[in-house]
Amino acid sequence: MALFKREAETVNLDNPAHNPLVLRPAPQISSAVTTHIIMRDVLVALAPATVAAIAFFGVQALLVIATSIASCVGFEYLWCRLRHTPNTCHDLSAAVTGLLLAFNVPSTLPLYMVVVGAFVAIIMTKELFGGIGKNFANPAIVGRIFLAVAFPVAMTTFVQPSWVLPLAAPVDMVSSATPLAPTASPSTIAQLFCGQHAGVLGETSAAALLLGMVFLLYRPVITWHIPTAYIGTVAVLSLLAGRDPLAQVFSGGLILGAIYMATDYSTCPATKRGKLVFGIGCGLITCLIRFFGNLNEGVAYSILFMNLLVPYIDQLTPNIPVGGEAIMAERRRAKRGGKADE
């Protein structure tokens, strides 16, 4: 089946992307949803958490967020100019990556380190592999892990948040450990839920992140499969290990990772069954790192590891086509020793 552009549109035969003849297998599904709309919705969903981060950490959080977004957008623009390709900054994907990267670093991180993380996220993880939709892992996750390896002291220097005005200097903040650290002071569930604890910018307010999840589910930009499987697995394993499930869920970057980074379209499975497997795998690896590893947090590493397994998960959990149930039943019967119909 062929779909044609309008006659008034120009034809550029030198660029296959502008070829008016588009061949695709049936069924032909038309949708008004674009990458720009999806990324805009993600930015809207992250707005409450952004406001909370600035309210808790003050002007330094604002500078980190602005630097991260500007660096990611700038690197993508420069790459497009260098490669002489259409500018893709307008789709807002670089802005989303920048905001998520900022949410994965502490407010005390020097701004030049934020720029380095943006370079790794956009250029090395996204653009070198072909741009949006072709990256093997979530760019913000890779940028965060690179910063943790390259600048471990700066990435583990946290301050205790306090309510401040957006443009006020947080002079009353003191260094503190995150709730997952063995030396951390005990925090109540209410403090963890509202964000009154030390951590990176995106860890502080689970309430704001969950509010954004409701919006994404309503749009719908994401489905419930990965967040539910991820968070549910961590809660169940924490209970079996004798730990407080609510404390494990609301501590660290679990909520941020499960809702906003594990659900990245390019790096998560396409099928519903695959998404459940992906979420369970992320939860299992997160708990293994938290309970038995030397790191206090394992969300970023678990998502990166499962990103690498997505092609295999997609291969093992395909959707059954309409009318294919009988064929699948015959194949299962043949594997058990029976004979499938020819």
Protein backbone atom coordinates (compact mmCIF):
# COMPACT_ATOMS: atom_id res chain seq x y z
CA MET A 1 0.00 0.00 0.00
CA ALA A 2 1.36 3.44 -0.85
CA LEU A 3 0.67 6.77 0.79
CA PHE A 4 1.36 9.94 -1.17
CA LYS A 5 2.07 13.51 -0.15
CA ARG A 6 -0.02 16.35 -1.45
CA GLU A 7 0.75 17.45 -5.00
CA ALA A 8 1.68 20.93 -3.83
CA GLU A 9 4.58 19.60 -1.78
CA THR A 10 8.06 19.61 -3.29
CA VAL A 11 9.91 16.38 -3.94
CA ASN A 12 13.52 15.89 -2.92
CA LEU A 13 14.70 12.63 -4.49
CA ASP A 14 18.18 13.06 -3.02
CA ASN A 15 16.83 12.63 0.52
CA PRO A 16 14.89 9.37 1.11
CA ALA A 17 13.16 10.96 4.10
CA HIS A 18 11.46 13.40 1.71
CA ASN A 19 10.45 10.80 -0.88
CA PRO A 20 6.68 11.15 -1.54
CA LEU A 21 6.27 7.38 -1.94
CA VAL A 22 6.02 5.72 1.46
CA LEU A 23 5.78 1.93 1.55
CA ARG A 24 4.74 0.27 4.78
CA PRO A 25 3.15 -3.08 5.64
CA ALA A 26 -0.50 -3.21 6.62
CA PRO A 27 -2.29 -2.24 8.73
CA GLN A 28 -1.90 1.49 8.10
CA ILE A 29 -2.43 3.29 11.40
CA SER A 30 -2.75 7.06 11.32
CA SER A 31 -2.21 9.14 14.44
CA ALA A 32 -1.88 12.83 15.19
CA VAL A 33 0.56 12.09 18.02
CA THR A 34 4.08 13.27 17.27
CA THR A 35 7.39 13.14 19.11
CA HIS A 36 6.98 16.82 19.93
CA ILE A 37 3.61 16.21 21.59
CA ILE A 38 4.89 13.23 23.60
CA MET A 39 7.97 15.08 24.84
CA ARG A 40 5.90 18.14 25.65
CA ASP A 41 3.64 15.99 27.81
CA VAL A 42 6.67 14.53 29.61
CA LEU A 43 7.94 18.03 30.35
CA VAL A 44 4.51 18.98 31.71
CA ALA A 45 4.48 15.84 33.86
CA LEU A 46 7.93 16.71 35.24
CA ALA A 47 6.92 20.30 36.04
CA PRO A 48 5.73 19.55 39.63
CA ALA A 49 9.00 17.77 40.42
CA THR A 50 10.95 20.66 38.89
CA VAL A 51 9.13 23.17 41.07
CA ALA A 52 9.72 20.97 44.12
CA ALA A 53 13.45 20.67 43.37
CA ILE A 54 13.83 24.43 43.04
CA ALA A 55 11.77 25.01 46.19
CA PHE A 56 13.89 22.55 48.18
CA PHE A 57 17.36 23.43 46.86
CA GLY A 58 17.00 27.02 45.68
CA VAL A 59 18.95 28.81 42.98
CA GLN A 60 21.60 26.11 42.67
CA ALA A 61 18.98 23.59 41.54
CA LEU A 62 17.67 26.11 39.02
CA LEU A 63 21.19 26.60 37.63
CA VAL A 64 21.80 22.86 37.34
CA ILE A 65 18.49 22.31 35.54
CA ALA A 66 18.99 25.25 33.18
CA THR A 67 22.58 24.24 32.41
CA SER A 68 21.64 20.63 31.73
CA ILE A 69 18.76 21.47 29.39
CA ALA A 70 20.69 24.18 27.56
CA SER A 71 23.71 21.89 27.13
CA CYS A 72 21.67 18.98 25.79
CA VAL A 73 19.76 21.16 23.34
CA GLY A 74 22.96 22.94 22.32
CA PHE A 75 24.88 19.73 21.69
CA GLU A 76 22.05 18.34 19.57
CA TYR A 77 21.86 21.56 17.56
CA LEU A 78 25.61 21.60 16.97
CA TRP A 79 25.57 17.94 15.93
CA CYS A 80 22.82 18.59 13.39
CA ARG A 81 24.75 21.55 11.99
CA LEU A 82 27.96 19.51 11.83
CA ARG A 83 26.23 16.63 10.06
CA HIS A 84 24.17 18.92 7.81
CA THR A 85 20.97 17.18 8.88
CA PRO A 86 17.59 18.71 9.77
CA ASN A 87 17.52 20.36 13.19
CA THR A 88 15.74 18.01 15.62
CA CYS A 89 15.81 20.26 18.66
CA HIS A 90 12.20 21.25 18.07
CA ASP A 91 10.96 17.76 19.00
CA LEU A 92 11.91 18.52 22.65
CA SER A 93 13.60 15.15 23.16
CA ALA A 94 16.90 16.84 24.03
CA ALA A 95 15.12 19.06 26.54
CA VAL A 96 13.58 16.01 28.21
CA THR A 97 17.01 14.33 28.35
CA GLY A 98 18.48 17.46 29.90
CA LEU A 99 15.80 17.68 32.57
CA LEU A 100 16.09 13.98 33.44
CA LEU A 101 19.87 14.26 33.60
CA ALA A 102 19.53 17.21 36.00
CA PHE A 103 17.16 15.12 38.13
CA ASN A 104 19.89 12.47 38.43
CA VAL A 105 22.57 14.74 39.93
CA PRO A 106 22.83 16.59 43.25
CA SER A 107 22.30 20.32 43.44
CA THR A 108 25.93 20.76 44.51
CA LEU A 109 27.38 19.32 41.29
CA PRO A 110 29.67 21.84 39.52
CA LEU A 111 28.10 23.12 36.33
CA TYR A 112 30.99 22.06 34.10
CA MET A 113 30.34 18.47 35.18
CA VAL A 114 26.72 18.87 34.16
CA VAL A 115 27.91 19.92 30.69
CA VAL A 116 30.13 16.83 30.49
CA GLY A 117 27.17 14.62 31.40
CA ALA A 118 25.05 16.31 28.73
CA PHE A 119 27.75 15.63 26.12
CA VAL A 120 27.84 11.94 27.02
CA ALA A 121 24.05 11.71 26.99
CA ILE A 122 23.39 13.50 23.69
CA ILE A 123 26.46 12.92 21.55
CA MET A 124 27.88 9.61 22.73
CA THR A 125 24.65 7.80 23.64
CA LYS A 126 22.08 9.29 21.28
CA GLU A 127 23.53 10.94 18.18
CA LEU A 128 26.42 8.54 17.50
CA PHE A 129 23.88 5.74 17.26
CA GLY A 130 21.63 7.57 14.80
CA GLY A 131 19.55 9.94 16.90
CA ILE A 132 16.21 9.56 18.62
CA GLY A 133 14.72 6.10 18.39
CA LYS A 134 18.05 4.43 17.64
CA ASN A 135 19.89 4.81 20.95
CA PHE A 136 20.63 1.53 22.73
CA ALA A 137 20.05 2.95 26.22
CA ASN A 138 18.38 5.88 27.92
CA PRO A 139 20.72 8.86 27.35
CA ALA A 140 20.09 10.41 30.77
CA ILE A 141 20.89 7.09 32.45
CA VAL A 142 24.21 6.75 30.63
CA GLY A 143 25.10 10.37 31.39
CA ARG A 144 24.34 9.84 35.06
CA ILE A 145 26.42 6.64 35.27
CA PHE A 146 29.34 8.31 33.48
CA LEU A 147 29.28 11.19 35.96
CA ALA A 148 29.11 8.75 38.88
CA VAL A 149 32.20 6.92 37.60
CA ALA A 150 34.16 10.02 36.54
CA PHE A 151 33.27 12.27 39.49
CA PRO A 152 32.29 9.96 42.38
CA VAL A 153 32.88 12.49 45.18
CA ALA A 154 30.88 15.27 43.53
CA MET A 155 28.06 12.87 42.64
CA THR A 156 27.75 11.68 46.25
CA THR A 157 27.87 15.07 47.95
CA PHE A 158 24.31 15.79 49.02
CA VAL A 159 22.70 18.49 51.11
CA GLN A 160 19.64 18.36 53.30
CA PRO A 161 16.80 20.20 51.53
CA SER A 162 14.83 23.01 53.09
CA TRP A 163 12.05 25.22 51.79
CA VAL A 164 13.64 28.27 50.19
CA LEU A 165 12.62 30.87 47.67
CA PRO A 166 13.68 30.10 44.08
CA LEU A 167 16.21 32.93 44.05
CA ALA A 168 17.42 32.63 47.62
CA ALA A 169 20.77 31.12 48.50
CA PRO A 170 20.34 27.90 50.52
CA VAL A 171 22.81 28.98 53.20
CA ASP A 172 21.16 26.85 55.88
CA MET A 173 21.74 23.56 54.05
CA VAL A 174 24.13 21.01 55.51
CA SER A 175 25.74 17.93 54.03
CA SER A 176 23.75 14.77 54.59
CA ALA A 177 23.53 11.16 53.46
CA THR A 178 20.71 9.82 51.32
CA PRO A 179 18.11 7.62 53.07
CA LEU A 180 19.62 4.48 51.47
CA ALA A 181 23.06 5.12 52.96
CA PRO A 182 23.93 3.08 56.07
CA THR A 183 24.97 6.28 57.90
CA ALA A 184 21.74 8.14 57.10
CA SER A 185 19.42 9.27 59.85
CA PRO A 186 16.06 7.48 59.84
CA SER A 187 13.36 9.24 57.82
CA THR A 188 9.63 8.85 58.20
CA ILE A 189 7.47 7.72 55.30
CA ALA A 190 5.91 11.18 55.21
CA GLN A 191 9.34 12.79 54.85
CA LEU A 192 10.27 10.39 52.07
CA PHE A 193 6.96 10.93 50.28
CA CYS A 194 7.09 14.72 50.43
CA GLY A 195 10.82 15.04 49.78
CA GLN A 196 12.31 16.18 53.07
CA HIS A 197 15.49 14.15 52.70
CA ALA A 198 18.87 14.45 51.00
CA GLY A 199 19.39 13.18 47.48
CA VAL A 200 19.58 14.16 43.83
CA LEU A 201 17.12 16.68 42.47
CA GLY A 202 14.67 14.06 41.18
CA GLU A 203 14.62 11.95 44.35
CA THR A 204 13.24 14.51 46.70
CA SER A 205 9.48 14.49 46.08
CA ALA A 206 7.77 11.19 45.32
CA ALA A 207 4.44 13.00 45.53
CA ALA A 208 5.37 15.34 42.66
CA LEU A 209 6.63 12.46 40.53
CA LEU A 210 3.47 10.41 41.13
CA LEU A 211 1.35 13.42 40.20
CA GLY A 212 3.19 13.55 36.89
CA MET A 213 2.61 9.82 36.39
CA VAL A 214 -1.14 10.33 36.66
CA PHE A 215 -0.93 12.91 33.87
CA LEU A 216 1.16 10.60 31.65
CA LEU A 217 -1.29 7.73 32.16
CA TYR A 218 -4.22 10.03 31.34
CA ARG A 219 -2.73 11.33 28.08
CA PRO A 220 -1.71 8.32 27.62
CA VAL A 221 2.03 8.67 27.07
CA ILE A 222 2.99 5.62 29.13
CA THR A 223 1.22 2.46 30.23
CA TRP A 224 1.04 1.00 33.71
CA HIS A 225 3.04 -2.14 32.94
CA ILE A 226 6.65 -1.07 33.57
CA PRO A 227 6.10 1.24 36.60
CA THR A 228 3.80 -1.27 38.30
CA ALA A 229 6.05 -4.26 37.63
CA TYR A 230 9.19 -2.35 38.65
CA ILE A 231 7.85 -0.79 41.85
CA GLY A 232 5.84 -3.89 42.76
CA THR A 233 8.89 -6.15 42.41
CA VAL A 234 10.96 -3.90 44.67
CA ALA A 235 8.16 -3.78 47.26
CA VAL A 236 7.67 -7.57 47.29
CA LEU A 237 11.39 -8.38 47.44
CA SER A 238 11.90 -5.79 50.18
CA LEU A 239 9.14 -7.41 52.22
CA LEU A 240 10.65 -10.86 51.73
CA ALA A 241 14.07 -9.51 52.75
CA GLY A 242 12.68 -8.07 55.97
CA ARG A 243 12.98 -4.44 54.91
CA ASP A 244 10.37 -1.70 54.91
CA PRO A 245 8.73 -1.82 51.45
CA LEU A 246 7.48 1.77 51.57
CA ALA A 247 10.90 3.06 52.61
CA GLN A 248 12.54 1.19 49.73
CA VAL A 249 9.98 2.46 47.21
CA PHE A 250 10.10 6.11 48.24
CA SER A 251 13.88 6.22 48.78
CA GLY A 252 16.41 6.82 46.06
CA GLY A 253 15.53 7.22 42.40
CA LEU A 254 13.09 4.33 42.12
CA ILE A 255 9.98 6.42 41.41
CA LEU A 256 11.85 8.66 38.96
CA GLY A 257 13.42 5.73 37.14
CA ALA A 258 10.32 3.53 37.01
CA ILE A 259 8.03 6.24 35.63
CA TYR A 260 10.19 8.49 33.48
CA MET A 261 13.29 6.57 32.37
CA ALA A 262 12.43 2.88 32.25
CA THR A 263 9.43 3.75 30.05
CA ASP A 264 11.52 5.40 27.34
CA TYR A 265 10.01 4.30 24.01
CA SER A 266 13.33 3.63 22.32
CA THR A 267 14.82 1.49 25.07
CA CYS A 268 11.92 -0.53 26.50
CA PRO A 269 10.08 -3.55 25.04
CA ALA A 270 7.25 -3.02 22.59
CA THR A 271 4.81 -5.64 23.89
CA LYS A 272 2.84 -5.64 27.13
CA ARG A 273 4.33 -8.95 28.24
CA GLY A 274 7.78 -7.65 27.42
CA LYS A 275 7.18 -4.52 29.49
CA LEU A 276 6.22 -6.66 32.49
CA VAL A 277 9.36 -8.76 32.10
CA PHE A 278 11.42 -5.59 31.74
CA GLY A 279 9.95 -4.06 34.90
CA ILE A 280 10.42 -7.22 36.94
CA GLY A 281 14.03 -7.48 35.77
CA CYS A 282 14.71 -3.87 36.75
CA GLY A 283 13.21 -4.45 40.18
CA LEU A 284 15.21 -7.62 40.75
CA ILE A 285 18.55 -6.02 39.80
CA THR A 286 17.77 -2.91 41.86
CA CYS A 287 17.16 -5.01 44.97
CA LEU A 288 20.26 -7.12 44.41
CA ILE A 289 22.42 -4.00 44.23
CA ARG A 290 20.72 -2.32 47.18
CA PHE A 291 20.73 -5.36 49.47
CA PHE A 292 24.00 -7.07 48.56
CA GLY A 293 26.11 -4.61 46.56
CA ASN A 294 28.52 -1.90 47.59
CA LEU A 295 26.35 0.83 46.07
CA ASN A 296 23.50 2.43 47.97
CA GLU A 297 21.40 2.80 44.81
CA GLY A 298 20.92 0.51 41.84
CA VAL A 299 18.16 2.06 39.74
CA ALA A 300 20.37 3.53 37.01
CA TYR A 301 22.44 0.38 36.60
CA SER A 302 19.38 -1.88 36.55
CA ILE A 303 17.69 0.15 33.81
CA LEU A 304 20.89 0.25 31.74
CA PHE A 305 21.37 -3.53 32.06
CA MET A 306 17.76 -4.24 31.07
CA ASN A 307 18.05 -1.78 28.15
CA LEU A 308 20.71 -4.06 26.71
CA LEU A 309 18.33 -7.04 26.96
CA VAL A 310 15.38 -5.36 25.24
CA PRO A 311 16.02 -6.91 21.77
CA TYR A 312 15.97 -10.38 23.33
CA ILE A 313 12.88 -9.61 25.40
CA ASP A 314 11.06 -8.42 22.27
CA GLN A 315 12.08 -11.59 20.47
CA LEU A 316 10.82 -13.86 23.27
CA THR A 317 7.55 -12.00 23.93
CA PRO A 318 6.01 -11.27 20.52
CA ASN A 319 2.40 -10.32 20.07
CA ILE A 320 0.25 -13.14 18.69
CA PRO A 321 -1.40 -11.96 15.45
CA VAL A 322 -5.16 -12.15 15.02
CA GLY A 323 -6.08 -15.73 14.22
CA GLY A 324 -2.69 -17.01 15.29
CA GLU A 325 -3.85 -18.76 18.48
CA ALA A 326 -4.57 -22.03 16.67
CA ILE A 327 -1.17 -22.02 14.99
CA MET A 328 0.58 -21.38 18.30
CA ALA A 329 -1.39 -24.23 19.88
CA GLU A 330 -0.31 -26.61 17.11
CA ARG A 331 3.31 -25.59 17.59
CA ARG A 332 3.10 -26.23 21.32
CA ARG A 333 1.50 -29.63 20.66
CA ALA A 334 4.30 -30.50 18.26
CA LYS A 335 6.93 -29.59 20.84
CA ARG A 336 5.26 -31.91 23.34
CA GLY A 337 5.58 -34.82 20.93
CA GLY A 338 2.39 -34.47 18.92
CA LYS A 339 2.20 -33.71 15.21
CA ALA A 340 1.23 -30.30 13.95
CA ASP A 341 -1.15 -29.98 11.06
CA GLU A 342 0.52 -29.36 7.74
